Amino acid sequence: MKQFRKLIGCVLMLALFMCGCSEIPPHPPERTIYPTFQTTSIKGLVKDAANVPIAGATVRIQTTQIHTLSDKQGGFRLDLSEALGPVTISAWKDGYYCGKIEEIVPSSEPITIQLIQYQTNDNPDYVWVPPIGEGSCYSCKPAVTQIWLDNDTHAGSAKNLRFLTMYNGTDVDGNQSPPTRYGYIRDYGSFQLPPDTRQPYFGPGYKLDFPGTTGNCSACHIPSVAIDNPYGIDPNLISGVDSYGIHCDFCHKIADVTLDSSTGLPFPNMPGVLSMDIRRPFPEDPERYQLFFGTFDDDNVPEEDTYLPLMEESEFCAPCHFGVFWDQIIYNSFGEWLNSPYSNSLTGQTCQDCHMPSPSVINGIPITNVAEGSGGVERDPLAIHAHTFPGAMSEDLLQNAVTMQIKTERKDSKIFVSVTITNDKTGHHIPTDSPLRHMLLLVQTLDQDGQTLNFEDGPVIPDWGGVGKPEEGYYAGLPGKAFARILQEVWTGVSPTGAYWNPTRELSDSRLAAMEIDKSEYIFTTPEEGEAKITVTLLFRRAFIELMDQKSWDVPDIVMEEQTIILP
């Protein structure tokens, strides 16, 4: 009986198969056999100059993502494919120069990588490496240095005309405003008076208000010379390497920054180099003759270069992008970033992501070797940060800073315009840092004959937007809105002011924080027939127009956003 059942079952299955029944599963396909590489390993030890094992060192096959950490005994093992061939094995740990061994192949014999500690003190007699010329940064890293020279305003921070004319109280031609006047009250003492409008005036100046001092401006603008004397450097007397302001060798000598653990910000009254740990090396030391901090933990020049994770973190920028004067926060792009969603370590972005974007491109070609012919190695171009530092002068950056949306509606004899601006692309307030910077939103409406429509209701540009001809950039009273931080001098009442070396108070702040949305609405009267043209423009202006006129600064506005709508 059992055999009969089996026979019947076989007949039924055969019949179903012959009928093409879909309920019978097809024969499973043959399994694909993928080729595999025989893996092997490189083993070794990481030790210091005294042959003491170093635990926690990053050991890497140079320029690859194949890496590990040395164990408590300094040992490591890297698994790799024979297809890689001879490789360079690098090692690094905080406090040490990078180390390497070249032409290593898989073997049962362990290798030893020695790391040398860099110095923990600073050499005030060190002579800075110049950006260009003999023995310069350019002579070793020409492409990266040229990008920096062509683009980065840090390179001009010592000679910037706006900075120097504000410091000296002059215009760009050297004409100087009269000395600051003072009044006197018995119960208070002397106090500053507003400028005398009966005399030629070329704008405010630190040296006019504090003629017997030099201030701490150089702590940020010329930090390499301010290290040893942050309150005693006159920017007018700078020469040589220091004339490049925040130059290559200085930035690559910053070992650490000092921040208040309770706030995450630099301490007040500690701007720039005052909040930095600088390590100038000792050229007479044969093992520690140079020291450059960088962004590679597998750098190819031991006894000169080392990795500094801080250089890829926003905190590196904090000392010069947070500044307090007279208890008033003036510069705060770092603090604004810190308080924004962009500071989230998992989902946010660092300052470097936007201001040192990869790849680094010169003449349309991405750089793959930062020191070609001078000890550099080929790398993924996305691993090389661009030294462009786009900022307040970059049209591309500003035109990708916010999103502007326009809605229009025509009802009988009225046109309604709604403008929404969202700071959805910038990790800090916009505009930020210098309180002179601001944005102007202009809403212009014309009829079919090119005549301006009657403005009925909505916000207008304030007087500091410039009283005068609109075609010359004076927009006060026109339909629109301003985004600015307005400071007023406590002693003189001058407002808006950029003379924040004097005590100031904040009158208003209409700037847009990261992810903030602003909406404004405008109503115009129009004939019931005929087309109407609505043009909405968002301008970035570097400084208040009255101050620019006083100083003779020629800094054109930058169009950040502009849209034109034709209503039938």
Protein backbone atom coordinates (compact mmCIF):
# COMPACT_ATOMS: atom_id res chain seq x y z
CA MET A 1 0.00 0.00 0.00
CA LYS A 2 2.81 2.34 0.92
CA GLN A 3 4.55 1.66 -2.39
CA PHE A 4 1.27 2.24 -4.26
CA ARG A 5 0.86 5.70 -2.64
CA LYS A 6 4.39 6.64 -3.65
CA LEU A 7 3.72 5.56 -7.21
CA ILE A 8 0.49 7.58 -7.37
CA GLY A 9 2.32 10.65 -5.97
CA CYS A 10 5.03 10.45 -8.58
CA VAL A 11 2.47 10.11 -11.38
CA LEU A 12 0.54 13.17 -10.13
CA MET A 13 3.68 15.31 -9.87
CA LEU A 14 4.73 14.29 -13.36
CA ALA A 15 1.28 15.12 -14.68
CA LEU A 16 1.29 18.54 -13.04
CA PHE A 17 4.72 19.28 -14.40
CA MET A 18 3.67 18.31 -17.90
CA CYS A 19 0.65 20.63 -17.59
CA GLY A 20 2.84 23.55 -16.58
CA CYS A 21 1.19 23.95 -13.16
CA SER A 22 2.63 27.00 -11.42
CA GLU A 23 2.25 25.48 -8.01
CA ILE A 24 5.25 23.27 -8.57
CA PRO A 25 8.34 25.31 -7.63
CA PRO A 26 10.99 25.61 -10.32
CA HIS A 27 14.35 24.01 -9.91
CA PRO A 28 16.51 26.34 -7.80
CA PRO A 29 19.13 28.15 -9.88
CA GLU A 30 22.76 27.37 -9.44
CA ARG A 31 24.37 29.54 -6.76
CA THR A 32 26.71 32.23 -8.12
CA ILE A 33 30.23 31.75 -6.83
CA TYR A 34 31.94 35.16 -6.46
CA PRO A 35 35.73 35.31 -6.63
CA THR A 36 37.46 36.03 -3.34
CA PHE A 37 40.86 37.47 -2.58
CA GLN A 38 43.15 35.68 -0.25
CA THR A 39 43.48 37.96 2.75
CA THR A 40 46.52 38.24 4.88
CA SER A 41 47.75 40.68 7.48
CA ILE A 42 50.48 43.06 8.50
CA LYS A 43 51.35 42.96 12.16
CA GLY A 44 53.54 45.20 14.22
CA LEU A 45 54.18 47.48 17.16
CA VAL A 46 53.98 51.22 17.70
CA LYS A 47 56.65 52.54 20.07
CA ASP A 48 58.05 55.88 21.14
CA ALA A 49 61.65 57.05 20.94
CA ALA A 50 62.44 55.14 24.18
CA ASN A 51 60.91 51.94 22.78
CA VAL A 52 57.91 52.22 25.11
CA PRO A 53 54.75 50.79 23.50
CA ILE A 54 52.10 53.34 22.50
CA ALA A 55 48.49 52.29 22.94
CA GLY A 56 45.62 53.85 21.01
CA ALA A 57 47.67 54.95 18.00
CA THR A 58 45.88 55.07 14.65
CA VAL A 59 47.63 52.70 12.26
CA ARG A 60 46.63 53.00 8.62
CA ILE A 61 47.49 51.82 5.16
CA GLN A 62 48.39 55.28 3.91
CA THR A 63 45.66 57.18 1.99
CA THR A 64 43.12 54.36 2.52
CA GLN A 65 40.28 53.67 4.95
CA ILE A 66 41.99 50.49 6.15
CA HIS A 67 43.05 51.30 9.69
CA THR A 68 43.05 50.11 13.29
CA LEU A 69 44.15 51.19 16.76
CA SER A 70 47.17 49.80 18.57
CA ASP A 71 46.33 47.78 21.67
CA LYS A 72 47.57 48.22 25.25
CA GLN A 73 50.90 46.66 24.31
CA GLY A 74 51.25 48.86 21.22
CA GLY A 75 50.43 45.95 18.93
CA PHE A 76 48.32 46.13 15.79
CA ARG A 77 47.12 43.97 12.92
CA LEU A 78 45.89 45.15 9.52
CA ASP A 79 44.06 42.72 7.26
CA LEU A 80 44.44 43.43 3.57
CA SER A 81 44.37 41.88 0.13
CA GLU A 82 47.55 40.79 -1.63
CA ALA A 83 46.26 42.76 -4.62
CA LEU A 84 47.34 45.96 -2.90
CA GLY A 85 51.01 45.11 -3.26
CA PRO A 86 53.69 46.95 -1.24
CA VAL A 87 52.13 49.64 0.93
CA THR A 88 53.10 52.42 3.32
CA ILE A 89 51.97 51.87 6.88
CA SER A 90 51.42 55.06 8.87
CA ALA A 91 50.83 55.66 12.57
CA TRP A 92 49.73 58.65 14.62
CA LYS A 93 48.65 59.56 18.12
CA ASP A 94 47.83 62.89 19.74
CA GLY A 95 51.04 64.52 20.94
CA TYR A 96 53.24 62.80 18.37
CA TYR A 97 54.40 63.48 14.84
CA CYS A 98 53.05 61.15 12.18
CA GLY A 99 55.20 58.07 11.53
CA LYS A 100 55.48 55.65 8.64
CA ILE A 101 57.25 52.66 7.12
CA GLU A 102 57.29 52.24 3.34
CA GLU A 103 57.31 49.24 0.97
CA ILE A 104 55.63 46.84 3.38
CA VAL A 105 54.20 43.54 2.13
CA PRO A 106 52.21 40.97 4.10
CA SER A 107 54.55 38.89 6.19
CA SER A 108 54.70 36.87 9.36
CA GLU A 109 57.45 39.17 10.60
CA PRO A 110 56.13 42.12 12.64
CA ILE A 111 57.15 45.69 11.84
CA THR A 112 57.86 48.51 14.28
CA ILE A 113 56.76 52.12 13.76
CA GLN A 114 58.41 54.71 15.95
CA LEU A 115 56.60 57.93 16.90
CA ILE A 116 58.37 61.04 18.15
CA GLN A 117 56.66 63.48 20.49
CA TYR A 118 56.45 67.07 19.33
CA GLN A 119 57.36 69.85 21.74
CA THR A 120 54.91 71.01 24.38
CA ASN A 121 56.29 74.54 24.67
CA ASP A 122 56.45 77.54 22.35
CA ASN A 123 59.50 79.21 20.81
CA PRO A 124 59.09 83.02 20.69
CA ASP A 125 62.25 83.30 18.53
CA TYR A 126 60.80 81.21 15.72
CA VAL A 127 60.82 82.87 12.28
CA TRP A 128 57.55 82.36 10.41
CA VAL A 129 57.53 80.56 7.06
CA PRO A 130 56.37 83.07 4.41
CA PRO A 131 53.47 82.20 2.08
CA ILE A 132 55.54 82.98 -1.04
CA GLY A 133 59.20 83.27 -1.95
CA GLU A 134 62.22 81.13 -1.17
CA GLY A 135 61.58 78.43 1.43
CA SER A 136 57.91 79.35 1.45
CA CYS A 137 54.61 77.48 1.65
CA TYR A 138 54.29 78.04 -2.09
CA SER A 139 57.60 76.34 -2.82
CA CYS A 140 56.24 73.10 -1.33
CA LYS A 141 52.47 73.38 -1.84
CA PRO A 142 52.01 75.76 -4.81
CA ALA A 143 48.45 74.87 -5.80
CA VAL A 144 46.93 75.02 -2.31
CA THR A 145 48.82 78.23 -1.53
CA GLN A 146 47.71 79.87 -4.78
CA ILE A 147 44.07 79.04 -4.03
CA TRP A 148 44.52 80.66 -0.61
CA LEU A 149 46.17 83.76 -2.07
CA ASP A 150 43.49 84.17 -4.74
CA ASN A 151 40.44 83.63 -2.55
CA ASP A 152 40.92 83.87 1.18
CA THR A 153 40.29 87.23 2.87
CA HIS A 154 42.23 85.92 5.88
CA ALA A 155 45.29 86.59 3.72
CA GLY A 156 44.41 90.29 3.67
CA SER A 157 43.26 90.75 7.25
CA ALA A 158 46.24 92.97 8.13
CA LYS A 159 45.98 95.24 5.08
CA ASN A 160 42.21 95.34 4.63
CA LEU A 161 41.31 98.98 3.87
CA ARG A 162 38.01 98.81 5.73
CA PHE A 163 39.81 97.55 8.83
CA LEU A 164 42.58 100.16 8.64
CA THR A 165 40.30 103.11 7.92
CA MET A 166 38.11 102.16 10.89
CA TYR A 167 41.20 101.74 13.05
CA ASN A 168 42.71 105.08 12.06
CA GLY A 169 39.55 107.15 11.60
CA THR A 170 40.36 107.96 7.97
CA ASP A 171 38.92 107.47 4.52
CA VAL A 172 40.70 105.38 1.88
CA ASP A 173 42.68 108.46 0.77
CA GLY A 174 44.11 109.03 4.24
CA ASN A 175 41.93 111.99 5.21
CA GLN A 176 41.38 111.81 8.96
CA SER A 177 38.40 112.88 11.03
CA PRO A 178 38.95 115.50 13.76
CA PRO A 179 40.02 114.20 17.19
CA THR A 180 37.21 112.99 19.43
CA ARG A 181 35.57 115.75 21.48
CA TYR A 182 34.79 115.32 25.15
CA GLY A 183 32.31 116.89 27.53
CA TYR A 184 32.58 117.00 31.31
CA ILE A 185 30.12 116.55 34.16
CA ARG A 186 31.29 117.00 37.74
CA ASP A 187 29.45 113.92 38.99
CA TYR A 188 30.48 111.72 36.08
CA GLY A 189 33.70 113.03 34.59
CA SER A 190 34.60 113.28 30.91
CA PHE A 191 32.55 111.60 28.20
CA GLN A 192 32.62 111.45 24.42
CA LEU A 193 30.60 113.88 22.33
CA PRO A 194 29.13 113.19 18.89
CA PRO A 195 31.22 114.27 15.87
CA ASP A 196 31.13 117.97 14.95
CA THR A 197 29.14 118.05 11.71
CA ARG A 198 30.48 121.51 10.90
CA GLN A 199 33.89 119.99 10.10
CA PRO A 200 34.84 117.48 7.43
CA TYR A 201 34.22 114.03 8.83
CA PHE A 202 35.61 110.76 7.52
CA GLY A 203 34.00 108.34 9.90
CA PRO A 204 34.91 106.92 13.32
CA GLY A 205 38.28 105.50 14.29
CA TYR A 206 39.75 103.60 17.21
CA LYS A 207 42.83 105.86 17.26
CA LEU A 208 40.61 108.92 17.48
CA ASP A 209 38.87 107.61 20.60
CA PHE A 210 41.90 105.97 22.24
CA PRO A 211 44.95 107.77 20.81
CA GLY A 212 47.33 106.58 23.50
CA THR A 213 46.76 102.86 22.94
CA THR A 214 46.93 100.27 20.17
CA GLY A 215 44.04 98.06 21.31
CA ASN A 216 43.72 94.32 20.75
CA CYS A 217 42.59 94.39 17.10
CA SER A 218 45.75 92.54 16.07
CA ALA A 219 44.81 89.57 18.25
CA CYS A 220 42.52 88.52 15.39
CA HIS A 221 43.71 90.51 12.38
CA ILE A 222 47.46 89.91 12.79
CA PRO A 223 47.75 87.09 15.33
CA SER A 224 51.25 85.92 14.40
CA VAL A 225 52.76 89.17 15.67
CA ALA A 226 50.28 89.60 18.51
CA ILE A 227 51.14 86.34 20.29
CA ASP A 228 53.71 87.95 22.56
CA ASN A 229 52.16 91.41 22.75
CA PRO A 230 48.39 91.27 22.04
CA TYR A 231 47.71 94.81 23.30
CA GLY A 232 50.78 96.49 21.87
CA ILE A 233 50.67 96.01 18.10
CA ASP A 234 49.92 98.89 15.75
CA PRO A 235 48.54 97.46 12.47
CA ASN A 236 50.01 100.41 10.57
CA LEU A 237 53.56 99.21 11.33
CA ILE A 238 53.28 95.62 10.12
CA SER A 239 55.64 94.20 7.49
CA GLY A 240 57.03 90.94 6.16
CA VAL A 241 55.16 87.69 6.78
CA ASP A 242 52.84 89.42 9.26
CA SER A 243 51.49 91.64 6.48
CA TYR A 244 49.59 88.57 5.24
CA GLY A 245 47.50 88.71 8.40
CA ILE A 246 46.22 85.25 9.26
CA HIS A 247 48.80 83.36 7.19
CA CYS A 248 49.40 79.67 6.49
CA ASP A 249 52.17 79.01 8.99
CA PHE A 250 50.25 80.63 11.82
CA CYS A 251 47.06 78.61 11.33
CA HIS A 252 49.06 75.41 11.11
CA LYS A 253 50.77 76.18 14.43
CA ILE A 254 47.54 76.30 16.47
CA ALA A 255 47.67 73.30 18.81
CA ASP A 256 44.50 74.01 20.78
CA VAL A 257 41.93 76.64 21.69
CA THR A 258 40.72 77.64 25.14
CA LEU A 259 36.95 77.58 25.65
CA ASP A 260 34.77 78.05 28.71
CA SER A 261 33.49 74.55 29.58
CA SER A 262 30.25 75.99 30.95
CA THR A 263 29.32 77.85 27.74
CA GLY A 264 31.41 76.23 25.02
CA LEU A 265 32.52 79.74 24.01
CA PRO A 266 35.81 81.61 24.37
CA PHE A 267 36.10 83.62 27.56
CA PRO A 268 35.13 87.33 27.32
CA ASN A 269 37.99 89.73 26.59
CA MET A 270 40.07 86.89 25.15
CA PRO A 271 39.70 87.36 21.37
CA GLY A 272 41.84 85.69 18.76
CA VAL A 273 45.30 84.57 19.74
CA LEU A 274 44.51 85.21 23.42
CA SER A 275 42.40 82.02 23.29
CA MET A 276 44.89 79.92 21.32
CA ASP A 277 47.71 77.54 22.24
CA ILE A 278 50.46 78.21 19.69
CA ARG A 279 53.43 75.87 19.17
CA ARG A 280 56.30 77.56 17.38
CA PRO A 281 59.05 74.94 16.98
CA PHE A 282 62.78 74.99 17.71
CA PRO A 283 64.71 74.75 14.41
CA GLU A 284 67.93 73.81 16.20
CA ASP A 285 66.36 70.56 17.47
CA PRO A 286 67.26 67.95 14.80
CA GLU A 287 64.24 65.78 15.64
CA ARG A 288 61.75 68.62 16.18
CA TYR A 289 62.95 71.32 13.81
CA GLN A 290 59.46 72.01 12.41
CA LEU A 291 55.83 71.46 13.35
CA PHE A 292 52.76 71.72 11.15
CA PHE A 293 49.31 70.65 12.31
CA GLY A 294 47.06 69.34 9.55
CA THR A 295 44.10 67.11 8.68
CA PHE A 296 45.88 63.86 7.74
CA ASP A 297 46.78 61.23 10.32
CA ASP A 298 48.97 59.53 7.68
CA ASP A 299 51.01 62.53 6.59
CA ASN A 300 54.08 61.73 4.57
CA VAL A 301 56.59 63.98 6.34
CA PRO A 302 57.50 62.64 9.80
CA GLU A 303 59.28 65.01 12.18
CA GLU A 304 57.42 67.91 10.59
CA ASP A 305 53.72 67.12 10.31
CA THR A 306 51.04 65.79 12.60
CA TYR A 307 47.30 65.38 12.66
CA LEU A 308 45.05 67.73 14.64
CA PRO A 309 41.38 66.64 14.72
CA LEU A 310 40.50 70.13 16.00
CA MET A 311 41.28 71.59 12.56
CA GLU A 312 38.15 69.90 11.21
CA GLU A 313 35.92 71.08 14.04
CA SER A 314 34.08 74.40 14.36
CA GLU A 315 35.76 75.07 17.70
CA PHE A 316 38.97 75.78 15.77
CA CYS A 317 37.30 78.95 14.42
CA ALA A 318 35.84 80.10 17.74
CA PRO A 319 38.58 82.47 19.03
CA CYS A 320 38.23 84.92 16.12
CA HIS A 321 34.50 84.44 15.55
CA PHE A 322 33.30 85.28 19.02
CA GLY A 323 34.16 88.65 20.52
CA VAL A 324 32.91 90.62 23.52
CA PHE A 325 33.60 94.35 23.94
CA TRP A 326 32.41 96.31 26.98
CA ASP A 327 30.22 93.34 27.97
CA GLN A 328 28.47 93.48 24.60
CA ILE A 329 28.76 90.46 22.31
CA ILE A 330 29.84 91.80 18.92
CA TYR A 331 31.13 88.87 16.87
CA ASN A 332 29.19 85.67 17.40
CA SER A 333 29.02 83.46 14.32
CA PHE A 334 30.49 80.60 16.37
CA GLY A 335 27.98 81.10 19.20
CA GLU A 336 25.13 81.27 16.70
CA TRP A 337 26.30 78.01 15.13
CA LEU A 338 26.61 76.46 18.59
CA ASN A 339 22.97 77.31 19.34
CA SER A 340 21.70 76.07 15.98
CA PRO A 341 20.77 72.59 14.71
CA TYR A 342 23.97 72.67 12.66
CA SER A 343 26.04 71.97 15.79
CA ASN A 344 24.44 68.54 16.18
CA SER A 345 27.40 66.17 15.82
CA LEU A 346 25.32 63.54 14.00
CA THR A 347 23.18 65.59 11.63
CA GLY A 348 24.82 69.02 11.49
CA GLN A 349 27.67 70.66 9.64
CA THR A 350 30.90 72.30 10.73
CA CYS A 351 32.25 75.68 9.71
CA GLN A 352 34.76 73.86 7.51
CA ASP A 353 32.02 72.06 5.58
CA CYS A 354 30.89 75.38 4.08
CA HIS A 355 33.99 77.54 4.31
CA MET A 356 36.63 74.94 3.34
CA PRO A 357 34.61 72.76 0.95
CA SER A 358 36.18 69.78 -0.79
CA PRO A 359 37.45 69.17 -3.36
CA SER A 360 40.16 71.78 -3.72
CA VAL A 361 40.12 72.91 -7.35
CA ILE A 362 42.64 74.96 -9.32
CA ASN A 363 42.28 75.75 -13.02
CA GLY A 364 39.22 73.51 -13.05
CA ILE A 365 41.15 70.44 -11.88
CA PRO A 366 40.73 68.90 -8.38
CA ILE A 367 43.96 68.66 -6.42
CA THR A 368 44.97 65.09 -5.54
CA ASN A 369 48.43 65.80 -4.14
CA VAL A 370 48.98 68.84 -1.90
CA ALA A 371 52.79 68.65 -2.16
CA GLU A 372 53.46 67.00 -5.50
CA GLY A 373 57.20 66.54 -6.00
CA SER A 374 57.88 67.62 -2.42
CA GLY A 375 56.96 64.50 -0.48
CA GLY A 376 53.23 64.55 -1.06
CA VAL A 377 51.15 61.49 -1.91
CA GLU A 378 48.11 60.95 -4.12
CA ARG A 379 44.80 61.18 -2.25
CA ASP A 380 41.08 61.18 -2.81
CA PRO A 381 40.36 64.82 -3.81
CA LEU A 382 37.43 64.87 -1.37
CA ALA A 383 39.95 64.46 1.46
CA ILE A 384 41.64 67.76 0.59
CA HIS A 385 39.96 70.85 2.02
CA ALA A 386 39.80 73.90 -0.23
CA HIS A 387 41.55 76.96 1.19
CA THR A 388 39.03 79.33 -0.39
CA PHE A 389 37.23 80.34 2.82
CA PRO A 390 34.22 81.89 1.06
CA GLY A 391 32.55 84.51 3.24
CA ALA A 392 30.87 87.89 3.08
CA MET A 393 32.50 88.73 -0.27
CA SER A 394 31.48 85.48 -1.98
CA GLU A 395 28.54 85.86 -4.37
CA ASP A 396 28.21 82.10 -4.68
CA LEU A 397 27.99 81.61 -0.92
CA LEU A 398 25.53 84.48 -0.41
CA GLN A 399 23.36 83.38 -3.31
CA ASN A 400 23.04 79.98 -1.66
CA ALA A 401 22.38 81.27 1.85
CA VAL A 402 18.58 81.60 2.04
CA THR A 403 15.42 80.63 0.18
CA MET A 404 13.03 83.36 -0.98
CA GLN A 405 9.43 82.63 -1.97
CA ILE A 406 7.03 85.16 -3.53
CA LYS A 407 3.25 85.00 -3.66
CA THR A 408 1.21 87.60 -5.52
CA GLU A 409 -2.51 88.18 -5.92
CA ARG A 410 -4.48 90.76 -7.87
CA LYS A 411 -7.91 91.77 -6.59
CA ASP A 412 -9.66 94.55 -8.45
CA SER A 413 -7.45 97.60 -8.03
CA LYS A 414 -5.02 96.12 -5.52
CA ILE A 415 -1.97 93.89 -5.74
CA PHE A 416 -0.96 91.84 -2.72
CA VAL A 417 2.65 90.68 -2.44
CA SER A 418 3.84 88.21 0.20
CA VAL A 419 7.57 87.54 0.63
CA THR A 420 8.92 84.67 2.71
CA ILE A 421 12.62 84.37 3.44
CA THR A 422 13.97 81.25 5.15
CA ASN A 423 17.48 80.89 6.49
CA ASP A 424 17.61 77.23 5.55
CA LYS A 425 21.14 77.01 4.15
CA THR A 426 23.29 78.83 6.69
CA GLY A 427 24.47 77.54 10.06
CA HIS A 428 24.41 80.90 11.81
CA HIS A 429 22.54 84.20 11.70
CA ILE A 430 22.50 85.93 8.39
CA PRO A 431 24.16 88.30 8.16
CA THR A 432 26.65 87.49 10.92
CA ASP A 433 29.72 88.76 12.79
CA SER A 434 30.42 92.41 11.89
CA PRO A 435 27.39 94.49 12.97
CA LEU A 436 27.91 96.63 9.88
CA ARG A 437 26.62 93.89 7.59
CA HIS A 438 22.95 93.79 6.70
CA MET A 439 20.39 92.69 4.11
CA LEU A 440 17.84 94.87 2.35
CA LEU A 441 14.66 93.44 0.84
CA LEU A 442 13.24 95.65 -1.92
CA VAL A 443 9.75 95.21 -3.41
CA GLN A 444 9.25 97.17 -6.63
CA THR A 445 6.03 97.28 -8.64
CA LEU A 446 5.52 98.89 -12.07
CA ASP A 447 2.50 99.25 -14.34
CA GLN A 448 2.59 98.42 -18.05
CA ASP A 449 3.94 101.90 -18.79
CA GLY A 450 6.85 101.50 -16.37
CA GLN A 451 5.37 103.79 -13.75
CA THR A 452 5.71 102.93 -10.06
CA LEU A 453 2.48 101.73 -8.50
CA ASN A 454 1.12 103.50 -5.45
CA PHE A 455 2.31 101.83 -2.25
CA GLU A 456 -0.58 101.44 0.18
CA ASP A 457 0.60 99.33 3.10
CA GLY A 458 3.53 97.27 4.40
CA PRO A 459 7.01 97.74 5.90
CA VAL A 460 9.56 100.15 4.45
CA ILE A 461 13.36 100.45 4.45
CA PRO A 462 14.53 102.50 7.50
CA ASP A 463 16.40 105.78 7.17
CA TRP A 464 19.79 104.14 7.65
CA GLY A 465 19.13 102.35 4.35
CA GLY A 466 20.11 105.66 2.75
CA VAL A 467 18.17 108.86 2.16
CA GLY A 468 18.61 109.86 -1.46
CA LYS A 469 18.24 108.55 -4.99
CA PRO A 470 17.26 104.87 -5.21
CA GLU A 471 19.20 104.48 -8.44
CA GLU A 472 22.34 105.35 -6.42
CA GLY A 473 21.63 102.84 -3.68
CA TYR A 474 19.68 105.02 -1.23
CA TYR A 475 16.54 103.06 -0.41
CA ALA A 476 15.08 104.66 2.72
CA GLY A 477 11.28 104.76 2.67
CA LEU A 478 10.85 102.29 -0.18
CA PRO A 479 8.66 99.20 0.22
CA GLY A 480 10.76 96.49 1.77
CA LYS A 481 12.48 95.34 4.88
CA ALA A 482 15.90 95.40 6.54
CA PHE A 483 17.68 92.61 8.35
CA ALA A 484 20.34 94.01 10.65
CA ARG A 485 21.67 94.28 14.16
CA ILE A 486 21.58 97.92 15.21
CA LEU A 487 24.04 99.10 17.86
CA GLN A 488 24.07 102.54 19.46
CA GLU A 489 27.06 104.16 21.12
CA VAL A 490 26.30 104.75 24.79
CA TRP A 491 28.31 107.97 25.07
CA THR A 492 27.52 109.72 21.78
CA GLY A 493 24.13 108.22 20.85
CA VAL A 494 25.40 107.54 17.30
CA SER A 495 23.39 104.77 15.68
CA PRO A 496 23.84 102.55 13.79
CA THR A 497 27.51 102.27 14.70
CA GLY A 498 30.40 99.99 13.95
CA ALA A 499 32.63 101.67 16.52
CA TYR A 500 32.14 98.83 18.98
CA TRP A 501 35.47 99.63 20.66
CA ASN A 502 33.26 102.11 22.53
CA PRO A 503 30.48 100.98 24.90
CA THR A 504 27.36 100.16 22.88
CA ARG A 505 23.80 99.03 23.47
CA GLU A 506 21.72 96.89 21.15
CA LEU A 507 18.64 98.68 19.82
CA SER A 508 17.32 95.88 17.64
CA ASP A 509 18.24 92.66 15.89
CA SER A 510 16.16 91.62 12.89
CA ARG A 511 18.66 89.17 11.41
CA LEU A 512 17.55 85.64 10.59
CA ALA A 513 18.85 82.83 12.82
CA ALA A 514 19.53 79.40 11.34
CA MET A 515 16.24 77.83 10.15
CA GLU A 516 14.26 81.00 11.01
CA ILE A 517 11.48 82.17 8.68
CA ASP A 518 10.47 85.78 8.01
CA LYS A 519 7.28 86.78 6.20
CA SER A 520 6.33 90.29 5.10
CA GLU A 521 3.31 91.52 3.13
CA TYR A 522 2.80 94.52 0.87
CA ILE A 523 -0.24 96.12 -0.78
CA PHE A 524 -0.13 98.29 -3.91
CA THR A 525 -2.84 100.16 -5.81
CA THR A 526 -3.04 99.47 -9.55
CA PRO A 527 -5.30 100.26 -12.49
CA GLU A 528 -7.83 97.48 -13.01
CA GLU A 529 -6.53 96.85 -16.51
CA GLY A 530 -3.02 96.32 -17.82
CA GLU A 531 -0.06 94.23 -16.76
CA ALA A 532 1.85 94.81 -13.55
CA LYS A 533 5.49 93.87 -12.98
CA ILE A 534 6.63 92.90 -9.47
CA THR A 535 10.35 92.58 -8.77
CA VAL A 536 11.59 91.42 -5.37
CA THR A 537 15.31 91.72 -4.61
CA LEU A 538 17.31 90.70 -1.56
CA LEU A 539 20.58 92.61 -1.29
CA PHE A 540 23.59 92.03 0.94
CA ARG A 541 25.33 95.26 1.94
CA ARG A 542 28.75 95.20 3.60
CA ALA A 543 28.23 98.33 5.71
CA PHE A 544 25.76 101.14 6.33
CA ILE A 545 25.74 103.47 3.37
CA GLU A 546 26.45 106.63 5.41
CA LEU A 547 29.63 105.05 6.78
CA MET A 548 30.65 103.86 3.33
CA ASP A 549 30.25 107.40 2.04
CA GLN A 550 32.35 108.77 4.90
CA LYS A 551 35.12 106.25 4.31
CA SER A 552 34.83 106.25 0.48
CA TRP A 553 34.51 102.48 0.50
CA ASP A 554 33.62 101.16 -2.93
CA VAL A 555 31.90 97.89 -2.03
CA PRO A 556 28.99 97.07 -4.35
CA ASP A 557 25.86 95.41 -3.01
CA ILE A 558 25.53 91.69 -3.77
CA VAL A 559 22.22 90.38 -5.09
CA MET A 560 21.40 87.32 -2.99
CA GLU A 561 17.96 86.57 -4.45
CA GLU A 562 15.81 88.19 -7.12
CA GLN A 563 12.48 87.24 -8.69
CA THR A 564 10.25 89.02 -11.19
CA ILE A 565 6.56 88.24 -11.65
CA ILE A 566 4.28 89.60 -14.38
CA LEU A 567 0.61 89.84 -13.44
CA PRO A 568 -1.80 90.05 -16.39
